[in-house]
Amino acid sequence: MSPIIETIGGVAAVLTTASFLPQVYQTWKTKSTESLSLPMLLMFFTGVCLWLIYGFALESMPIIISNIITIISAGLLVYFKLSFTKK
């Protein structure tokens, strides 16, 4: 793959991964998960896991690194949703 395409992939990975982090921080800080949909989070988490497998198959570091970070972020949101939801 050309260096330009890898750079585009890297920038896209940074932007899409970073865009998810404020939600994780806000949820952790406020302990409020009312506006988060558990089915959406589980579908998103599963999709990101599949993207990671795809990244390994392509040996694409931008896909691999961004999806590892996003898996951690999405996993935290799932944990928060299950932990902070009022029973």
PDB file of N, CA and C in Angstrom:
ATOM      1  N   MET A   1       0.852  -1.168   0.000  1.00  0.00           N
ATOM      2  CA  MET A   1       0.000   0.000   0.000  1.00  0.00           C
ATOM      3  C   MET A   1       0.901   1.235   0.000  1.00  0.00           C
ATOM      4  N   SER A   2       0.453   2.266  -0.682  1.00  0.00           N
ATOM      5  CA  SER A   2       1.278   3.464  -0.805  1.00  0.00           C
ATOM      6  C   SER A   2       1.321   4.232   0.518  1.00  0.00           C
ATOM      7  N   PRO A   3       2.413   4.971   0.732  1.00  0.00           N
ATOM      8  CA  PRO A   3       2.520   5.763   1.967  1.00  0.00           C
ATOM      9  C   PRO A   3       1.398   6.796   2.119  1.00  0.00           C
ATOM     10  N   ILE A   4       0.925   7.346   1.018  1.00  0.00           N
ATOM     11  CA  ILE A   4      -0.155   8.330   1.092  1.00  0.00           C
ATOM     12  C   ILE A   4      -1.441   7.672   1.594  1.00  0.00           C
ATOM     13  N   ILE A   5      -1.732   6.500   1.082  1.00  0.00           N
ATOM     14  CA  ILE A   5      -2.933   5.775   1.511  1.00  0.00           C
ATOM     15  C   ILE A   5      -2.805   5.384   2.982  1.00  0.00           C
ATOM     16  N   GLU A   6      -1.633   4.933   3.404  1.00  0.00           N
ATOM     17  CA  GLU A   6      -1.414   4.597   4.817  1.00  0.00           C
ATOM     18  C   GLU A   6      -1.580   5.829   5.704  1.00  0.00           C
ATOM     19  N   THR A   7      -1.120   6.986   5.228  1.00  0.00           N
ATOM     20  CA  THR A   7      -1.271   8.234   5.983  1.00  0.00           C
ATOM     21  C   THR A   7      -2.742   8.610   6.114  1.00  0.00           C
ATOM     22  N   ILE A   8      -3.481   8.500   5.016  1.00  0.00           N
ATOM     23  CA  ILE A   8      -4.920   8.776   5.062  1.00  0.00           C
ATOM     24  C   ILE A   8      -5.599   7.838   6.061  1.00  0.00           C
ATOM     25  N   GLY A   9      -5.242   6.570   6.018  1.00  0.00           N
ATOM     26  CA  GLY A   9      -5.800   5.601   6.960  1.00  0.00           C
ATOM     27  C   GLY A   9      -5.431   5.939   8.393  1.00  0.00           C
ATOM     28  N   GLY A  10      -4.206   6.384   8.599  1.00  0.00           N
ATOM     29  CA  GLY A  10      -3.760   6.761   9.939  1.00  0.00           C
ATOM     30  C   GLY A  10      -4.518   7.960  10.478  1.00  0.00           C
ATOM     31  N   VAL A  11      -4.696   8.981   9.644  1.00  0.00           N
ATOM     32  CA  VAL A  11      -5.439  10.177  10.056  1.00  0.00           C
ATOM     33  C   VAL A  11      -6.894   9.813  10.346  1.00  0.00           C
ATOM     34  N   ALA A  12      -7.506   9.015   9.486  1.00  0.00           N
ATOM     35  CA  ALA A  12      -8.886   8.584   9.704  1.00  0.00           C
ATOM     36  C   ALA A  12      -9.002   7.799  11.017  1.00  0.00           C
ATOM     37  N   ALA A  13      -8.036   6.931  11.263  1.00  0.00           N
ATOM     38  CA  ALA A  13      -8.049   6.134  12.495  1.00  0.00           C
ATOM     39  C   ALA A  13      -7.944   7.020  13.732  1.00  0.00           C
ATOM     40  N   VAL A  14      -7.059   8.003  13.704  1.00  0.00           N
ATOM     41  CA  VAL A  14      -6.897   8.905  14.848  1.00  0.00           C
ATOM     42  C   VAL A  14      -8.185   9.687  15.089  1.00  0.00           C
ATOM     43  N   LEU A  15      -8.768  10.238  14.024  1.00  0.00           N
ATOM     44  CA  LEU A  15      -9.974  11.053  14.173  1.00  0.00           C
ATOM     45  C   LEU A  15     -11.163  10.241  14.684  1.00  0.00           C
ATOM     46  N   THR A  16     -11.402   9.086  14.111  1.00  0.00           N
ATOM     47  CA  THR A  16     -12.567   8.309  14.524  1.00  0.00           C
ATOM     48  C   THR A  16     -12.377   7.719  15.926  1.00  0.00           C
ATOM     49  N   THR A  17     -11.167   7.325  16.266  1.00  0.00           N
ATOM     50  CA  THR A  17     -10.906   6.793  17.601  1.00  0.00           C
ATOM     51  C   THR A  17     -10.987   7.898  18.644  1.00  0.00           C
ATOM     52  N   ALA A  18     -10.367   9.030  18.359  1.00  0.00           N
ATOM     53  CA  ALA A  18     -10.368  10.152  19.303  1.00  0.00           C
ATOM     54  C   ALA A  18     -11.773  10.698  19.521  1.00  0.00           C
ATOM     55  N   SER A  19     -12.618  10.636  18.518  1.00  0.00           N
ATOM     56  CA  SER A  19     -13.971  11.175  18.654  1.00  0.00           C
ATOM     57  C   SER A  19     -14.791  10.394  19.682  1.00  0.00           C
ATOM     58  N   PHE A  20     -14.411   9.185  19.967  1.00  0.00           N
ATOM     59  CA  PHE A  20     -15.127   8.332  20.900  1.00  0.00           C
ATOM     60  C   PHE A  20     -14.705   8.600  22.349  1.00  0.00           C
ATOM     61  N   LEU A  21     -13.502   9.103  22.553  1.00  0.00           N
ATOM     62  CA  LEU A  21     -12.952   9.261  23.898  1.00  0.00           C
ATOM     63  C   LEU A  21     -13.708  10.272  24.770  1.00  0.00           C
ATOM     64  N   PRO A  22     -14.204  11.404  24.240  1.00  0.00           N
ATOM     65  CA  PRO A  22     -14.961  12.310  25.111  1.00  0.00           C
ATOM     66  C   PRO A  22     -16.208  11.661  25.727  1.00  0.00           C
ATOM     67  N   GLN A  23     -16.851  10.765  25.002  1.00  0.00           N
ATOM     68  CA  GLN A  23     -18.024  10.069  25.548  1.00  0.00           C
ATOM     69  C   GLN A  23     -17.616   9.180  26.705  1.00  0.00           C
ATOM     70  N   VAL A  24     -16.498   8.492  26.566  1.00  0.00           N
ATOM     71  CA  VAL A  24     -16.010   7.634  27.645  1.00  0.00           C
ATOM     72  C   VAL A  24     -15.712   8.490  28.879  1.00  0.00           C
ATOM     73  N   TYR A  25     -15.018   9.609  28.675  1.00  0.00           N
ATOM     74  CA  TYR A  25     -14.670  10.487  29.796  1.00  0.00           C
ATOM     75  C   TYR A  25     -15.920  11.056  30.460  1.00  0.00           C
ATOM     76  N   GLN A  26     -16.859  11.546  29.668  1.00  0.00           N
ATOM     77  CA  GLN A  26     -18.082  12.134  30.226  1.00  0.00           C
ATOM     78  C   GLN A  26     -18.872  11.098  31.012  1.00  0.00           C
ATOM     79  N   THR A  27     -18.972   9.899  30.491  1.00  0.00           N
ATOM     80  CA  THR A  27     -19.716   8.844  31.169  1.00  0.00           C
ATOM     81  C   THR A  27     -19.038   8.471  32.482  1.00  0.00           C
ATOM     82  N   TRP A  28     -17.722   8.369  32.462  1.00  0.00           N
ATOM     83  CA  TRP A  28     -16.978   8.051  33.677  1.00  0.00           C
ATOM     84  C   TRP A  28     -17.145   9.160  34.718  1.00  0.00           C
ATOM     85  N   LYS A  29     -17.061  10.404  34.265  1.00  0.00           N
ATOM     86  CA  LYS A  29     -17.132  11.554  35.168  1.00  0.00           C
ATOM     87  C   LYS A  29     -18.525  11.707  35.782  1.00  0.00           C
ATOM     88  N   THR A  30     -19.570  11.598  34.961  1.00  0.00           N
ATOM     89  CA  THR A  30     -20.939  11.833  35.438  1.00  0.00           C
ATOM     90  C   THR A  30     -21.606  10.576  35.989  1.00  0.00           C
ATOM     91  N   LYS A  31     -21.077   9.427  35.659  1.00  0.00           N
ATOM     92  CA  LYS A  31     -21.671   8.136  36.050  1.00  0.00           C
ATOM     93  C   LYS A  31     -23.086   7.975  35.496  1.00  0.00           C
ATOM     94  N   SER A  32     -23.397   8.721  34.432  1.00  0.00           N
ATOM     95  CA  SER A  32     -24.721   8.671  33.818  1.00  0.00           C
ATOM     96  C   SER A  32     -24.645   7.926  32.482  1.00  0.00           C
ATOM     97  N   THR A  33     -25.453   6.882  32.378  1.00  0.00           N
ATOM     98  CA  THR A  33     -25.478   6.097  31.139  1.00  0.00           C
ATOM     99  C   THR A  33     -26.880   6.044  30.534  1.00  0.00           C
ATOM    100  N   GLU A  34     -27.765   6.903  31.021  1.00  0.00           N
ATOM    101  CA  GLU A  34     -29.150   6.880  30.551  1.00  0.00           C
ATOM    102  C   GLU A  34     -29.274   7.018  29.041  1.00  0.00           C
ATOM    103  N   SER A  35     -28.439   7.856  28.450  1.00  0.00           N
ATOM    104  CA  SER A  35     -28.564   8.122  27.016  1.00  0.00           C
ATOM    105  C   SER A  35     -27.818   7.103  26.160  1.00  0.00           C
ATOM    106  N   LEU A  36     -27.160   6.135  26.785  1.00  0.00           N
ATOM    107  CA  LEU A  36     -26.428   5.121  26.033  1.00  0.00           C
ATOM    108  C   LEU A  36     -27.286   3.878  25.849  1.00  0.00           C
ATOM    109  N   SER A  37     -27.339   3.399  24.629  1.00  0.00           N
ATOM    110  CA  SER A  37     -28.107   2.200  24.310  1.00  0.00           C
ATOM    111  C   SER A  37     -27.194   0.973  24.408  1.00  0.00           C
ATOM    112  N   LEU A  38     -27.542   0.037  25.292  1.00  0.00           N
ATOM    113  CA  LEU A  38     -26.732  -1.171  25.440  1.00  0.00           C
ATOM    114  C   LEU A  38     -26.679  -1.988  24.139  1.00  0.00           C
ATOM    115  N   PRO A  39     -27.795  -2.199  23.427  1.00  0.00           N
ATOM    116  CA  PRO A  39     -27.692  -2.941  22.161  1.00  0.00           C
ATOM    117  C   PRO A  39     -26.747  -2.258  21.164  1.00  0.00           C
ATOM    118  N   MET A  40     -26.802  -0.920  21.080  1.00  0.00           N
ATOM    119  CA  MET A  40     -25.900  -0.204  20.176  1.00  0.00           C
ATOM    120  C   MET A  40     -24.456  -0.417  20.604  1.00  0.00           C
ATOM    121  N   LEU A  41     -24.183  -0.311  21.905  1.00  0.00           N
ATOM    122  CA  LEU A  41     -22.816  -0.489  22.385  1.00  0.00           C
ATOM    123  C   LEU A  41     -22.303  -1.897  22.088  1.00  0.00           C
ATOM    124  N   LEU A  42     -23.147  -2.901  22.284  1.00  0.00           N
ATOM    125  CA  LEU A  42     -22.730  -4.289  22.020  1.00  0.00           C
ATOM    126  C   LEU A  42     -22.502  -4.534  20.532  1.00  0.00           C
ATOM    127  N   MET A  43     -23.371  -3.963  19.700  1.00  0.00           N
ATOM    128  CA  MET A  43     -23.183  -4.099  18.251  1.00  0.00           C
ATOM    129  C   MET A  43     -21.902  -3.382  17.818  1.00  0.00           C
ATOM    130  N   PHE A  44     -21.679  -2.190  18.348  1.00  0.00           N
ATOM    131  CA  PHE A  44     -20.488  -1.422  18.028  1.00  0.00           C
ATOM    132  C   PHE A  44     -19.231  -2.180  18.458  1.00  0.00           C
ATOM    133  N   PHE A  45     -19.227  -2.708  19.693  1.00  0.00           N
ATOM    134  CA  PHE A  45     -18.092  -3.457  20.216  1.00  0.00           C
ATOM    135  C   PHE A  45     -17.787  -4.670  19.332  1.00  0.00           C
ATOM    136  N   THR A  46     -18.824  -5.396  18.935  1.00  0.00           N
ATOM    137  CA  THR A  46     -18.646  -6.568  18.068  1.00  0.00           C
ATOM    138  C   THR A  46     -18.073  -6.151  16.713  1.00  0.00           C
ATOM    139  N   GLY A  47     -18.611  -5.074  16.147  1.00  0.00           N
ATOM    140  CA  GLY A  47     -18.107  -4.581  14.864  1.00  0.00           C
ATOM    141  C   GLY A  47     -16.648  -4.173  14.929  1.00  0.00           C
ATOM    142  N   VAL A  48     -16.258  -3.522  16.016  1.00  0.00           N
ATOM    143  CA  VAL A  48     -14.864  -3.099  16.163  1.00  0.00           C
ATOM    144  C   VAL A  48     -13.945  -4.318  16.315  1.00  0.00           C
ATOM    145  N   CYS A  49     -14.418  -5.337  17.022  1.00  0.00           N
ATOM    146  CA  CYS A  49     -13.637  -6.579  17.124  1.00  0.00           C
ATOM    147  C   CYS A  49     -13.414  -7.194  15.739  1.00  0.00           C
ATOM    148  N   LEU A  50     -14.448  -7.164  14.917  1.00  0.00           N
ATOM    149  CA  LEU A  50     -14.311  -7.693  13.555  1.00  0.00           C
ATOM    150  C   LEU A  50     -13.366  -6.829  12.720  1.00  0.00           C
ATOM    151  N   TRP A  51     -13.416  -5.493  12.906  1.00  0.00           N
ATOM    152  CA  TRP A  51     -12.470  -4.609  12.220  1.00  0.00           C
ATOM    153  C   TRP A  51     -11.038  -4.939  12.637  1.00  0.00           C
ATOM    154  N   LEU A  52     -10.836  -5.279  13.906  1.00  0.00           N
ATOM    155  CA  LEU A  52      -9.492  -5.634  14.372  1.00  0.00           C
ATOM    156  C   LEU A  52      -8.997  -6.899  13.680  1.00  0.00           C
ATOM    157  N   ILE A  53      -9.850  -7.889  13.571  1.00  0.00           N
ATOM    158  CA  ILE A  53      -9.481  -9.119  12.859  1.00  0.00           C
ATOM    159  C   ILE A  53      -9.131  -8.793  11.408  1.00  0.00           C
ATOM    160  N   TYR A  54      -9.942  -7.943  10.789  1.00  0.00           N
ATOM    161  CA  TYR A  54      -9.693  -7.511   9.415  1.00  0.00           C
ATOM    162  C   TYR A  54      -8.346  -6.786   9.311  1.00  0.00           C
ATOM    163  N   GLY A  55      -8.058  -5.927  10.277  1.00  0.00           N
ATOM    164  CA  GLY A  55      -6.787  -5.207  10.289  1.00  0.00           C
ATOM    165  C   GLY A  55      -5.603  -6.155  10.365  1.00  0.00           C
ATOM    166  N   PHE A  56      -5.706  -7.192  11.201  1.00  0.00           N
ATOM    167  CA  PHE A  56      -4.638  -8.185  11.282  1.00  0.00           C
ATOM    168  C   PHE A  56      -4.495  -8.939   9.962  1.00  0.00           C
ATOM    169  N   ALA A  57      -5.627  -9.257   9.329  1.00  0.00           N
ATOM    170  CA  ALA A  57      -5.576  -9.969   8.043  1.00  0.00           C
ATOM    171  C   ALA A  57      -4.865  -9.131   6.984  1.00  0.00           C
ATOM    172  N   LEU A  58      -5.094  -7.817   7.014  1.00  0.00           N
ATOM    173  CA  LEU A  58      -4.446  -6.913   6.052  1.00  0.00           C
ATOM    174  C   LEU A  58      -3.058  -6.465   6.490  1.00  0.00           C
ATOM    175  N   GLU A  59      -2.727  -6.764   7.758  1.00  0.00           N
ATOM    176  CA  GLU A  59      -1.475  -6.281   8.350  1.00  0.00           C
ATOM    177  C   GLU A  59      -1.389  -4.759   8.278  1.00  0.00           C
ATOM    178  N   SER A  60      -2.519  -4.107   8.592  1.00  0.00           N
ATOM    179  CA  SER A  60      -2.614  -2.648   8.536  1.00  0.00           C
ATOM    180  C   SER A  60      -2.550  -2.075   9.949  1.00  0.00           C
ATOM    181  N   MET A  61      -1.413  -1.459  10.270  1.00  0.00           N
ATOM    182  CA  MET A  61      -1.226  -0.907  11.603  1.00  0.00           C
ATOM    183  C   MET A  61      -2.250   0.173  11.963  1.00  0.00           C
ATOM    184  N   PRO A  62      -2.638   1.083  11.046  1.00  0.00           N
ATOM    185  CA  PRO A  62      -3.666   2.053  11.431  1.00  0.00           C
ATOM    186  C   PRO A  62      -4.974   1.393  11.872  1.00  0.00           C
ATOM    187  N   ILE A  63      -5.384   0.343  11.166  1.00  0.00           N
ATOM    188  CA  ILE A  63      -6.612  -0.360  11.527  1.00  0.00           C
ATOM    189  C   ILE A  63      -6.429  -1.102  12.845  1.00  0.00           C
ATOM    190  N   ILE A  64      -5.300  -1.747  13.020  1.00  0.00           N
ATOM    191  CA  ILE A  64      -5.044  -2.530  14.230  1.00  0.00           C
ATOM    192  C   ILE A  64      -5.000  -1.628  15.463  1.00  0.00           C
ATOM    193  N   ILE A  65      -4.183  -0.595  15.425  1.00  0.00           N
ATOM    194  CA  ILE A  65      -3.995   0.266  16.594  1.00  0.00           C
ATOM    195  C   ILE A  65      -5.286   1.001  16.952  1.00  0.00           C
ATOM    196  N   SER A  66      -5.937   1.581  15.943  1.00  0.00           N
ATOM    197  CA  SER A  66      -7.156   2.340  16.248  1.00  0.00           C
ATOM    198  C   SER A  66      -8.243   1.448  16.811  1.00  0.00           C
ATOM    199  N   ASN A  67      -8.351   0.233  16.315  1.00  0.00           N
ATOM    200  CA  ASN A  67      -9.399  -0.648  16.801  1.00  0.00           C
ATOM    201  C   ASN A  67      -9.090  -1.235  18.172  1.00  0.00           C
ATOM    202  N   ILE A  68      -7.828  -1.405  18.506  1.00  0.00           N
ATOM    203  CA  ILE A  68      -7.482  -1.823  19.870  1.00  0.00           C
ATOM    204  C   ILE A  68      -7.905  -0.738  20.855  1.00  0.00           C
ATOM    205  N   ILE A  69      -7.586   0.512  20.532  1.00  0.00           N
ATOM    206  CA  ILE A  69      -7.970   1.627  21.399  1.00  0.00           C
ATOM    207  C   ILE A  69      -9.489   1.739  21.486  1.00  0.00           C
ATOM    208  N   THR A  70     -10.166   1.583  20.357  1.00  0.00           N
ATOM    209  CA  THR A  70     -11.624   1.699  20.342  1.00  0.00           C
ATOM    210  C   THR A  70     -12.287   0.541  21.078  1.00  0.00           C
ATOM    211  N   ILE A  71     -11.721  -0.653  21.003  1.00  0.00           N
ATOM    212  CA  ILE A  71     -12.246  -1.796  21.761  1.00  0.00           C
ATOM    213  C   ILE A  71     -12.178  -1.500  23.257  1.00  0.00           C
ATOM    214  N   ILE A  72     -11.071  -0.928  23.697  1.00  0.00           N
ATOM    215  CA  ILE A  72     -10.942  -0.576  25.114  1.00  0.00           C
ATOM    216  C   ILE A  72     -11.999   0.463  25.490  1.00  0.00           C
ATOM    217  N   SER A  73     -12.152   1.492  24.650  1.00  0.00           N
ATOM    218  CA  SER A  73     -13.130   2.549  24.921  1.00  0.00           C
ATOM    219  C   SER A  73     -14.557   2.000  24.941  1.00  0.00           C
ATOM    220  N   ALA A  74     -14.901   1.214  23.941  1.00  0.00           N
ATOM    221  CA  ALA A  74     -16.250   0.648  23.868  1.00  0.00           C
ATOM    222  C   ALA A  74     -16.479  -0.330  25.021  1.00  0.00           C
ATOM    223  N   GLY A  75     -15.453  -1.094  25.352  1.00  0.00           N
ATOM    224  CA  GLY A  75     -15.559  -2.015  26.485  1.00  0.00           C
ATOM    225  C   GLY A  75     -15.815  -1.278  27.786  1.00  0.00           C
ATOM    226  N   LEU A  76     -15.141  -0.126  27.954  1.00  0.00           N
ATOM    227  CA  LEU A  76     -15.386   0.691  29.144  1.00  0.00           C
ATOM    228  C   LEU A  76     -16.821   1.195  29.181  1.00  0.00           C
ATOM    229  N   LEU A  77     -17.347   1.632  28.043  1.00  0.00           N
ATOM    230  CA  LEU A  77     -18.726   2.109  28.014  1.00  0.00           C
ATOM    231  C   LEU A  77     -19.719   0.995  28.327  1.00  0.00           C
ATOM    232  N   VAL A  78     -19.470  -0.200  27.824  1.00  0.00           N
ATOM    233  CA  VAL A  78     -20.334  -1.340  28.149  1.00  0.00           C
ATOM    234  C   VAL A  78     -20.262  -1.604  29.656  1.00  0.00           C
ATOM    235  N   TYR A  79     -19.052  -1.610  30.201  1.00  0.00           N
ATOM    236  CA  TYR A  79     -18.886  -1.804  31.641  1.00  0.00           C
ATOM    237  C   TYR A  79     -19.625  -0.724  32.427  1.00  0.00           C
ATOM    238  N   PHE A  80     -19.447   0.539  32.026  1.00  0.00           N
ATOM    239  CA  PHE A  80     -20.134   1.641  32.695  1.00  0.00           C
ATOM    240  C   PHE A  80     -21.650   1.474  32.605  1.00  0.00           C
ATOM    241  N   LYS A  81     -22.125   1.108  31.437  1.00  0.00           N
ATOM    242  CA  LYS A  81     -23.573   0.944  31.244  1.00  0.00           C
ATOM    243  C   LYS A  81     -24.105  -0.126  32.197  1.00  0.00           C
ATOM    244  N   LEU A  82     -23.389  -1.224  32.323  1.00  0.00           N
ATOM    245  CA  LEU A  82     -23.833  -2.306  33.199  1.00  0.00           C
ATOM    246  C   LEU A  82     -23.656  -1.956  34.682  1.00  0.00           C
ATOM    247  N   SER A  83     -22.628  -1.168  34.997  1.00  0.00           N
ATOM    248  CA  SER A  83     -22.328  -0.837  36.390  1.00  0.00           C
ATOM    249  C   SER A  83     -23.111   0.361  36.918  1.00  0.00           C
ATOM    250  N   PHE A  84     -23.287   1.379  36.086  1.00  0.00           N
ATOM    251  CA  PHE A  84     -23.875   2.624  36.556  1.00  0.00           C
ATOM    252  C   PHE A  84     -25.392   2.686  36.390  1.00  0.00           C
ATOM    253  N   THR A  85     -25.971   1.736  35.684  1.00  0.00           N
ATOM    254  CA  THR A  85     -27.412   1.739  35.481  1.00  0.00           C
ATOM    255  C   THR A  85     -28.112   1.480  36.799  1.00  0.00           C
ATOM    256  N   LYS A  86     -29.064   2.341  37.114  1.00  0.00           N
ATOM    257  CA  LYS A  86     -29.798   2.191  38.366  1.00  0.00           C
ATOM    258  C   LYS A  86     -30.655   0.949  38.315  1.00  0.00           C
ATOM    259  N   LYS A  87     -30.605   0.209  39.368  1.00  0.00           N
ATOM    260  CA  LYS A  87     -31.340  -1.053  39.412  1.00  0.00           C
ATOM    261  C   LYS A  87     -32.708  -0.849  39.988  1.00  0.00           C
TER     262      LYS A  87
END
